[in-house]
Amino acid sequence: MINLSNDNLIGPPKLTRFERARIVGARALQVSLGAPILAPLPDAVSDPIDIAVIELREKVLPMTIRRTLPEGSYQDIPLVDLLQTRILQ
């Protein structure tokens, strides 16, 4: 495995819908298992998926996305860098 630098991004310069779904699902599982909530929430929100979406929108998740090419090389991209292009809804 070869780790590529962050100069040339693998894939689009934004979060894909598949990456977004995986992040929301993984974070919702963490929240449902008792992980601390990282963003301030309205009182009415208690669903782990809604909490994960709010945390993603607020850009408070300390996650890294690994994008892999078919030959095995990969690039680790901080989630914050992929969220710079637009605000998720």
PDB file of N, CA and C in Angstrom:
ATOM      1  N   MET A   1       0.832  -1.181   0.000  1.00  0.00           N
ATOM      2  CA  MET A   1       0.000   0.000   0.000  1.00  0.00           C
ATOM      3  C   MET A   1       0.879   1.247   0.000  1.00  0.00           C
ATOM      4  N   ILE A   2       0.501   2.174  -0.816  1.00  0.00           N
ATOM      5  CA  ILE A   2       1.233   3.424  -0.934  1.00  0.00           C
ATOM      6  C   ILE A   2       0.316   4.542  -0.465  1.00  0.00           C
ATOM      7  N   ASN A   3       0.815   5.372   0.430  1.00  0.00           N
ATOM      8  CA  ASN A   3       0.061   6.508   0.916  1.00  0.00           C
ATOM      9  C   ASN A   3       0.402   7.708   0.047  1.00  0.00           C
ATOM     10  N   LEU A   4      -0.599   8.293  -0.615  1.00  0.00           N
ATOM     11  CA  LEU A   4      -0.390   9.446  -1.474  1.00  0.00           C
ATOM     12  C   LEU A   4      -0.467  10.725  -0.654  1.00  0.00           C
ATOM     13  N   SER A   5       0.183  11.778  -1.138  1.00  0.00           N
ATOM     14  CA  SER A   5       0.139  13.060  -0.436  1.00  0.00           C
ATOM     15  C   SER A   5      -1.211  13.731  -0.676  1.00  0.00           C
ATOM     16  N   ASN A   6      -1.489  14.771   0.058  1.00  0.00           N
ATOM     17  CA  ASN A   6      -2.754  15.485  -0.079  1.00  0.00           C
ATOM     18  C   ASN A   6      -2.731  16.514  -1.194  1.00  0.00           C
ATOM     19  N   ASP A   7      -1.652  16.585  -1.979  1.00  0.00           N
ATOM     20  CA  ASP A   7      -1.583  17.552  -3.065  1.00  0.00           C
ATOM     21  C   ASP A   7      -2.595  17.227  -4.161  1.00  0.00           C
ATOM     22  N   ASN A   8      -2.655  15.968  -4.571  1.00  0.00           N
ATOM     23  CA  ASN A   8      -3.588  15.530  -5.603  1.00  0.00           C
ATOM     24  C   ASN A   8      -4.631  14.633  -4.955  1.00  0.00           C
ATOM     25  N   LEU A   9      -5.862  15.109  -4.922  1.00  0.00           N
ATOM     26  CA  LEU A   9      -6.922  14.342  -4.277  1.00  0.00           C
ATOM     27  C   LEU A   9      -7.369  13.181  -5.145  1.00  0.00           C
ATOM     28  N   ILE A  10      -7.613  12.046  -4.512  1.00  0.00           N
ATOM     29  CA  ILE A  10      -8.270  10.930  -5.178  1.00  0.00           C
ATOM     30  C   ILE A  10      -9.761  11.216  -5.101  1.00  0.00           C
ATOM     31  N   GLY A  11     -10.437  11.209  -6.229  1.00  0.00           N
ATOM     32  CA  GLY A  11     -11.874  11.446  -6.237  1.00  0.00           C
ATOM     33  C   GLY A  11     -12.205  12.925  -6.187  1.00  0.00           C
ATOM     34  N   PRO A  12     -13.484  13.231  -5.992  1.00  0.00           N
ATOM     35  CA  PRO A  12     -13.918  14.629  -5.992  1.00  0.00           C
ATOM     36  C   PRO A  12     -13.429  15.376  -4.749  1.00  0.00           C
ATOM     37  N   PRO A  13     -13.330  16.702  -4.843  1.00  0.00           N
ATOM     38  CA  PRO A  13     -12.857  17.493  -3.692  1.00  0.00           C
ATOM     39  C   PRO A  13     -13.931  17.735  -2.640  1.00  0.00           C
ATOM     40  N   LYS A  14     -15.013  16.993  -2.695  1.00  0.00           N
ATOM     41  CA  LYS A  14     -16.078  17.114  -1.698  1.00  0.00           C
ATOM     42  C   LYS A  14     -16.467  15.722  -1.225  1.00  0.00           C
ATOM     43  N   LEU A  15     -17.255  15.676  -0.192  1.00  0.00           N
ATOM     44  CA  LEU A  15     -17.728  14.421   0.379  1.00  0.00           C
ATOM     45  C   LEU A  15     -18.764  13.805  -0.560  1.00  0.00           C
ATOM     46  N   THR A  16     -18.588  12.537  -0.929  1.00  0.00           N
ATOM     47  CA  THR A  16     -19.565  11.883  -1.802  1.00  0.00           C
ATOM     48  C   THR A  16     -20.768  11.426  -0.981  1.00  0.00           C
ATOM     49  N   ARG A  17     -21.847  11.109  -1.647  1.00  0.00           N
ATOM     50  CA  ARG A  17     -23.053  10.669  -0.934  1.00  0.00           C
ATOM     51  C   ARG A  17     -22.824   9.339  -0.223  1.00  0.00           C
ATOM     52  N   PHE A  18     -21.935   8.510  -0.774  1.00  0.00           N
ATOM     53  CA  PHE A  18     -21.637   7.225  -0.147  1.00  0.00           C
ATOM     54  C   PHE A  18     -20.798   7.421   1.122  1.00  0.00           C
ATOM     55  N   GLU A  19     -19.839   8.337   1.052  1.00  0.00           N
ATOM     56  CA  GLU A  19     -19.031   8.648   2.236  1.00  0.00           C
ATOM     57  C   GLU A  19     -19.903   9.276   3.317  1.00  0.00           C
ATOM     58  N   ARG A  20     -20.807  10.160   2.902  1.00  0.00           N
ATOM     59  CA  ARG A  20     -21.707  10.809   3.859  1.00  0.00           C
ATOM     60  C   ARG A  20     -22.573   9.769   4.565  1.00  0.00           C
ATOM     61  N   ALA A  21     -23.123   8.825   3.803  1.00  0.00           N
ATOM     62  CA  ALA A  21     -23.965   7.780   4.394  1.00  0.00           C
ATOM     63  C   ALA A  21     -23.168   6.920   5.367  1.00  0.00           C
ATOM     64  N   ARG A  22     -21.945   6.605   5.006  1.00  0.00           N
ATOM     65  CA  ARG A  22     -21.125   5.765   5.888  1.00  0.00           C
ATOM     66  C   ARG A  22     -20.770   6.504   7.178  1.00  0.00           C
ATOM     67  N   ILE A  23     -20.447   7.791   7.059  1.00  0.00           N
ATOM     68  CA  ILE A  23     -20.092   8.590   8.233  1.00  0.00           C
ATOM     69  C   ILE A  23     -21.298   8.730   9.164  1.00  0.00           C
ATOM     70  N   VAL A  24     -22.452   9.061   8.596  1.00  0.00           N
ATOM     71  CA  VAL A  24     -23.653   9.226   9.423  1.00  0.00           C
ATOM     72  C   VAL A  24     -24.007   7.909  10.107  1.00  0.00           C
ATOM     73  N   GLY A  25     -23.922   6.804   9.383  1.00  0.00           N
ATOM     74  CA  GLY A  25     -24.232   5.506   9.978  1.00  0.00           C
ATOM     75  C   GLY A  25     -23.274   5.119  11.081  1.00  0.00           C
ATOM     76  N   ALA A  26     -21.981   5.327  10.839  1.00  0.00           N
ATOM     77  CA  ALA A  26     -20.976   4.974  11.848  1.00  0.00           C
ATOM     78  C   ALA A  26     -21.124   5.847  13.090  1.00  0.00           C
ATOM     79  N   ARG A  27     -21.346   7.135  12.881  1.00  0.00           N
ATOM     80  CA  ARG A  27     -21.485   8.036  14.022  1.00  0.00           C
ATOM     81  C   ARG A  27     -22.782   7.766  14.782  1.00  0.00           C
ATOM     82  N   ALA A  28     -23.865   7.442  14.069  1.00  0.00           N
ATOM     83  CA  ALA A  28     -25.127   7.113  14.740  1.00  0.00           C
ATOM     84  C   ALA A  28     -24.961   5.867  15.608  1.00  0.00           C
ATOM     85  N   LEU A  29     -24.215   4.887  15.128  1.00  0.00           N
ATOM     86  CA  LEU A  29     -23.949   3.691  15.931  1.00  0.00           C
ATOM     87  C   LEU A  29     -23.168   4.054  17.188  1.00  0.00           C
ATOM     88  N   GLN A  30     -22.157   4.910  17.042  1.00  0.00           N
ATOM     89  CA  GLN A  30     -21.371   5.335  18.202  1.00  0.00           C
ATOM     90  C   GLN A  30     -22.257   6.038  19.228  1.00  0.00           C
ATOM     91  N   VAL A  31     -23.114   6.940  18.753  1.00  0.00           N
ATOM     92  CA  VAL A  31     -23.996   7.683  19.659  1.00  0.00           C
ATOM     93  C   VAL A  31     -24.966   6.729  20.354  1.00  0.00           C
ATOM     94  N   SER A  32     -25.498   5.756  19.612  1.00  0.00           N
ATOM     95  CA  SER A  32     -26.449   4.821  20.220  1.00  0.00           C
ATOM     96  C   SER A  32     -25.789   3.924  21.261  1.00  0.00           C
ATOM     97  N   LEU A  33     -24.473   3.752  21.150  1.00  0.00           N
ATOM     98  CA  LEU A  33     -23.741   2.946  22.126  1.00  0.00           C
ATOM     99  C   LEU A  33     -23.189   3.775  23.287  1.00  0.00           C
ATOM    100  N   GLY A  34     -23.537   5.075  23.331  1.00  0.00           N
ATOM    101  CA  GLY A  34     -23.175   5.891  24.478  1.00  0.00           C
ATOM    102  C   GLY A  34     -22.026   6.852  24.283  1.00  0.00           C
ATOM    103  N   ALA A  35     -21.578   7.069  23.051  1.00  0.00           N
ATOM    104  CA  ALA A  35     -20.489   8.022  22.811  1.00  0.00           C
ATOM    105  C   ALA A  35     -20.963   9.438  23.136  1.00  0.00           C
ATOM    106  N   PRO A  36     -20.047  10.293  23.589  1.00  0.00           N
ATOM    107  CA  PRO A  36     -20.449  11.667  23.895  1.00  0.00           C
ATOM    108  C   PRO A  36     -20.859  12.416  22.628  1.00  0.00           C
ATOM    109  N   ILE A  37     -21.835  13.288  22.774  1.00  0.00           N
ATOM    110  CA  ILE A  37     -22.326  14.091  21.654  1.00  0.00           C
ATOM    111  C   ILE A  37     -21.461  15.337  21.564  1.00  0.00           C
ATOM    112  N   LEU A  38     -20.996  15.657  20.347  1.00  0.00           N
ATOM    113  CA  LEU A  38     -19.994  16.699  20.161  1.00  0.00           C
ATOM    114  C   LEU A  38     -20.566  18.061  19.785  1.00  0.00           C
ATOM    115  N   ALA A  39     -21.841  18.135  19.431  1.00  0.00           N
ATOM    116  CA  ALA A  39     -22.438  19.404  19.013  1.00  0.00           C
ATOM    117  C   ALA A  39     -23.632  19.720  19.909  1.00  0.00           C
ATOM    118  N   PRO A  40     -23.901  20.998  20.128  1.00  0.00           N
ATOM    119  CA  PRO A  40     -25.107  21.356  20.886  1.00  0.00           C
ATOM    120  C   PRO A  40     -26.354  20.977  20.081  1.00  0.00           C
ATOM    121  N   LEU A  41     -27.343  20.420  20.780  1.00  0.00           N
ATOM    122  CA  LEU A  41     -28.546  19.925  20.108  1.00  0.00           C
ATOM    123  C   LEU A  41     -29.789  20.631  20.620  1.00  0.00           C
ATOM    124  N   PRO A  42     -30.805  20.756  19.753  1.00  0.00           N
ATOM    125  CA  PRO A  42     -32.112  21.208  20.247  1.00  0.00           C
ATOM    126  C   PRO A  42     -32.690  20.158  21.193  1.00  0.00           C
ATOM    127  N   ASP A  43     -33.566  20.572  22.073  1.00  0.00           N
ATOM    128  CA  ASP A  43     -34.130  19.655  23.069  1.00  0.00           C
ATOM    129  C   ASP A  43     -34.927  18.518  22.438  1.00  0.00           C
ATOM    130  N   ALA A  44     -35.532  18.746  21.281  1.00  0.00           N
ATOM    131  CA  ALA A  44     -36.414  17.752  20.666  1.00  0.00           C
ATOM    132  C   ALA A  44     -35.654  16.630  19.952  1.00  0.00           C
ATOM    133  N   VAL A  45     -34.359  16.769  19.749  1.00  0.00           N
ATOM    134  CA  VAL A  45     -33.593  15.779  18.985  1.00  0.00           C
ATOM    135  C   VAL A  45     -33.065  14.700  19.922  1.00  0.00           C
ATOM    136  N   SER A  46     -33.442  13.446  19.626  1.00  0.00           N
ATOM    137  CA  SER A  46     -32.919  12.336  20.418  1.00  0.00           C
ATOM    138  C   SER A  46     -32.543  11.135  19.552  1.00  0.00           C
ATOM    139  N   ASP A  47     -32.896  11.156  18.268  1.00  0.00           N
ATOM    140  CA  ASP A  47     -32.584  10.055  17.362  1.00  0.00           C
ATOM    141  C   ASP A  47     -31.092  10.086  17.009  1.00  0.00           C
ATOM    142  N   PRO A  48     -30.380   8.963  17.129  1.00  0.00           N
ATOM    143  CA  PRO A  48     -28.943   8.947  16.835  1.00  0.00           C
ATOM    144  C   PRO A  48     -28.597   9.372  15.411  1.00  0.00           C
ATOM    145  N   ILE A  49     -29.455   9.057  14.444  1.00  0.00           N
ATOM    146  CA  ILE A  49     -29.174   9.459  13.061  1.00  0.00           C
ATOM    147  C   ILE A  49     -29.278  10.969  12.924  1.00  0.00           C
ATOM    148  N   ASP A  50     -30.299  11.569  13.525  1.00  0.00           N
ATOM    149  CA  ASP A  50     -30.433  13.026  13.486  1.00  0.00           C
ATOM    150  C   ASP A  50     -29.261  13.704  14.187  1.00  0.00           C
ATOM    151  N   ILE A  51     -28.818  13.138  15.286  1.00  0.00           N
ATOM    152  CA  ILE A  51     -27.663  13.684  16.007  1.00  0.00           C
ATOM    153  C   ILE A  51     -26.421  13.617  15.127  1.00  0.00           C
ATOM    154  N   ALA A  52     -26.217  12.496  14.436  1.00  0.00           N
ATOM    155  CA  ALA A  52     -25.053  12.338  13.561  1.00  0.00           C
ATOM    156  C   ALA A  52     -25.085  13.340  12.413  1.00  0.00           C
ATOM    157  N   VAL A  53     -26.263  13.576  11.846  1.00  0.00           N
ATOM    158  CA  VAL A  53     -26.383  14.547  10.753  1.00  0.00           C
ATOM    159  C   VAL A  53     -26.065  15.953  11.257  1.00  0.00           C
ATOM    160  N   ILE A  54     -26.549  16.302  12.432  1.00  0.00           N
ATOM    161  CA  ILE A  54     -26.263  17.625  13.001  1.00  0.00           C
ATOM    162  C   ILE A  54     -24.769  17.780  13.259  1.00  0.00           C
ATOM    163  N   GLU A  55     -24.135  16.759  13.811  1.00  0.00           N
ATOM    164  CA  GLU A  55     -22.689  16.828  14.065  1.00  0.00           C
ATOM    165  C   GLU A  55     -21.906  16.967  12.766  1.00  0.00           C
ATOM    166  N   LEU A  56     -22.336  16.280  11.725  1.00  0.00           N
ATOM    167  CA  LEU A  56     -21.664  16.405  10.427  1.00  0.00           C
ATOM    168  C   LEU A  56     -21.850  17.805   9.861  1.00  0.00           C
ATOM    169  N   ARG A  57     -23.052  18.338   9.962  1.00  0.00           N
ATOM    170  CA  ARG A  57     -23.330  19.681   9.457  1.00  0.00           C
ATOM    171  C   ARG A  57     -22.527  20.740  10.217  1.00  0.00           C
ATOM    172  N   GLU A  58     -22.336  20.521  11.528  1.00  0.00           N
ATOM    173  CA  GLU A  58     -21.584  21.470  12.354  1.00  0.00           C
ATOM    174  C   GLU A  58     -20.068  21.305  12.219  1.00  0.00           C
ATOM    175  N   LYS A  59     -19.624  20.297  11.486  1.00  0.00           N
ATOM    176  CA  LYS A  59     -18.195  20.051  11.219  1.00  0.00           C
ATOM    177  C   LYS A  59     -17.394  19.799  12.496  1.00  0.00           C
ATOM    178  N   VAL A  60     -17.951  19.018  13.410  1.00  0.00           N
ATOM    179  CA  VAL A  60     -17.256  18.752  14.670  1.00  0.00           C
ATOM    180  C   VAL A  60     -16.728  17.329  14.774  1.00  0.00           C
ATOM    181  N   LEU A  61     -16.928  16.525  13.750  1.00  0.00           N
ATOM    182  CA  LEU A  61     -16.495  15.126  13.810  1.00  0.00           C
ATOM    183  C   LEU A  61     -15.008  15.001  13.479  1.00  0.00           C
ATOM    184  N   PRO A  62     -14.224  14.439  14.375  1.00  0.00           N
ATOM    185  CA  PRO A  62     -12.786  14.265  14.116  1.00  0.00           C
ATOM    186  C   PRO A  62     -12.530  12.959  13.359  1.00  0.00           C
ATOM    187  N   MET A  63     -12.953  12.906  12.106  1.00  0.00           N
ATOM    188  CA  MET A  63     -12.809  11.684  11.313  1.00  0.00           C
ATOM    189  C   MET A  63     -11.920  11.929  10.105  1.00  0.00           C
ATOM    190  N   THR A  64     -11.402  10.837   9.562  1.00  0.00           N
ATOM    191  CA  THR A  64     -10.578  10.869   8.363  1.00  0.00           C
ATOM    192  C   THR A  64     -11.168   9.900   7.352  1.00  0.00           C
ATOM    193  N   ILE A  65     -11.249  10.333   6.100  1.00  0.00           N
ATOM    194  CA  ILE A  65     -11.759   9.501   5.017  1.00  0.00           C
ATOM    195  C   ILE A  65     -10.566   8.878   4.303  1.00  0.00           C
ATOM    196  N   ARG A  66     -10.609   7.562   4.093  1.00  0.00           N
ATOM    197  CA  ARG A  66      -9.563   6.883   3.324  1.00  0.00           C
ATOM    198  C   ARG A  66     -10.134   6.537   1.957  1.00  0.00           C
ATOM    199  N   ARG A  67      -9.553   7.158   0.917  1.00  0.00           N
ATOM    200  CA  ARG A  67      -9.942   6.853  -0.458  1.00  0.00           C
ATOM    201  C   ARG A  67      -8.867   5.960  -1.066  1.00  0.00           C
ATOM    202  N   THR A  68      -9.304   4.858  -1.655  1.00  0.00           N
ATOM    203  CA  THR A  68      -8.390   3.842  -2.161  1.00  0.00           C
ATOM    204  C   THR A  68      -8.559   3.684  -3.664  1.00  0.00           C
ATOM    205  N   LEU A  69      -7.440   3.528  -4.360  1.00  0.00           N
ATOM    206  CA  LEU A  69      -7.448   3.232  -5.788  1.00  0.00           C
ATOM    207  C   LEU A  69      -7.365   1.723  -5.993  1.00  0.00           C
ATOM    208  N   PRO A  70      -7.765   1.226  -7.175  1.00  0.00           N
ATOM    209  CA  PRO A  70      -7.742  -0.224  -7.416  1.00  0.00           C
ATOM    210  C   PRO A  70      -6.367  -0.870  -7.261  1.00  0.00           C
ATOM    211  N   GLU A  71      -5.291  -0.139  -7.535  1.00  0.00           N
ATOM    212  CA  GLU A  71      -3.962  -0.751  -7.419  1.00  0.00           C
ATOM    213  C   GLU A  71      -3.479  -0.846  -5.980  1.00  0.00           C
ATOM    214  N   GLY A  72      -4.242  -0.299  -5.041  1.00  0.00           N
ATOM    215  CA  GLY A  72      -3.894  -0.427  -3.636  1.00  0.00           C
ATOM    216  C   GLY A  72      -3.386   0.847  -2.988  1.00  0.00           C
ATOM    217  N   SER A  73      -3.077   1.870  -3.770  1.00  0.00           N
ATOM    218  CA  SER A  73      -2.638   3.116  -3.149  1.00  0.00           C
ATOM    219  C   SER A  73      -3.855   3.804  -2.526  1.00  0.00           C
ATOM    220  N   TYR A  74      -3.605   4.596  -1.504  1.00  0.00           N
ATOM    221  CA  TYR A  74      -4.708   5.239  -0.799  1.00  0.00           C
ATOM    222  C   TYR A  74      -4.300   6.633  -0.355  1.00  0.00           C
ATOM    223  N   GLN A  75      -5.299   7.386   0.041  1.00  0.00           N
ATOM    224  CA  GLN A  75      -5.075   8.736   0.541  1.00  0.00           C
ATOM    225  C   GLN A  75      -6.014   8.964   1.716  1.00  0.00           C
ATOM    226  N   ASP A  76      -5.464   9.407   2.830  1.00  0.00           N
ATOM    227  CA  ASP A  76      -6.254   9.764   4.003  1.00  0.00           C
ATOM    228  C   ASP A  76      -6.531  11.262   3.959  1.00  0.00           C
ATOM    229  N   ILE A  77      -7.808  11.625   3.972  1.00  0.00           N
ATOM    230  CA  ILE A  77      -8.211  13.025   3.867  1.00  0.00           C
ATOM    231  C   ILE A  77      -9.031  13.378   5.103  1.00  0.00           C
ATOM    232  N   PRO A  78      -8.639  14.412   5.852  1.00  0.00           N
ATOM    233  CA  PRO A  78      -9.452  14.823   7.004  1.00  0.00           C
ATOM    234  C   PRO A  78     -10.855  15.238   6.554  1.00  0.00           C
ATOM    235  N   LEU A  79     -11.848  14.857   7.321  1.00  0.00           N
ATOM    236  CA  LEU A  79     -13.234  15.151   6.981  1.00  0.00           C
ATOM    237  C   LEU A  79     -13.465  16.649   6.823  1.00  0.00           C
ATOM    238  N   VAL A  80     -12.820  17.438   7.628  1.00  0.00           N
ATOM    239  CA  VAL A  80     -12.997  18.896   7.581  1.00  0.00           C
ATOM    240  C   VAL A  80     -12.595  19.446   6.215  1.00  0.00           C
ATOM    241  N   ASP A  81     -11.558  18.877   5.589  1.00  0.00           N
ATOM    242  CA  ASP A  81     -11.122  19.342   4.274  1.00  0.00           C
ATOM    243  C   ASP A  81     -12.176  19.081   3.206  1.00  0.00           C
ATOM    244  N   LEU A  82     -12.919  18.002   3.320  1.00  0.00           N
ATOM    245  CA  LEU A  82     -13.950  17.680   2.335  1.00  0.00           C
ATOM    246  C   LEU A  82     -15.235  18.456   2.574  1.00  0.00           C
ATOM    247  N   LEU A  83     -15.414  18.993   3.761  1.00  0.00           N
ATOM    248  CA  LEU A  83     -16.619  19.761   4.072  1.00  0.00           C
ATOM    249  C   LEU A  83     -16.454  21.245   3.773  1.00  0.00           C
ATOM    250  N   GLN A  84     -15.306  21.661   3.285  1.00  0.00           N
ATOM    251  CA  GLN A  84     -15.063  23.072   3.006  1.00  0.00           C
ATOM    252  C   GLN A  84     -15.874  23.576   1.817  1.00  0.00           C
ATOM    253  N   THR A  85     -16.241  22.686   0.879  1.00  0.00           N
ATOM    254  CA  THR A  85     -16.842  23.134  -0.368  1.00  0.00           C
ATOM    255  C   THR A  85     -18.283  23.605  -0.221  1.00  0.00           C
ATOM    256  N   ARG A  86     -19.074  22.940   0.641  1.00  0.00           N
ATOM    257  CA  ARG A  86     -20.458  23.378   0.843  1.00  0.00           C
ATOM    258  C   ARG A  86     -20.972  22.860   2.177  1.00  0.00           C
ATOM    259  N   ILE A  87     -22.028  23.482   2.645  1.00  0.00           N
ATOM    260  CA  ILE A  87     -22.659  23.065   3.895  1.00  0.00           C
ATOM    261  C   ILE A  87     -23.673  21.972   3.570  1.00  0.00           C
ATOM    262  N   LEU A  88     -23.619  20.864   4.301  1.00  0.00           N
ATOM    263  CA  LEU A  88     -24.549  19.762   4.078  1.00  0.00           C
ATOM    264  C   LEU A  88     -25.899  20.066   4.703  1.00  0.00           C
ATOM    265  N   GLN A  89     -26.947  19.534   4.094  1.00  0.00           N
ATOM    266  CA  GLN A  89     -28.287  19.733   4.648  1.00  0.00           C
ATOM    267  C   GLN A  89     -28.873  18.435   5.084  1.00  0.00           C
TER     268      GLN A  89
END
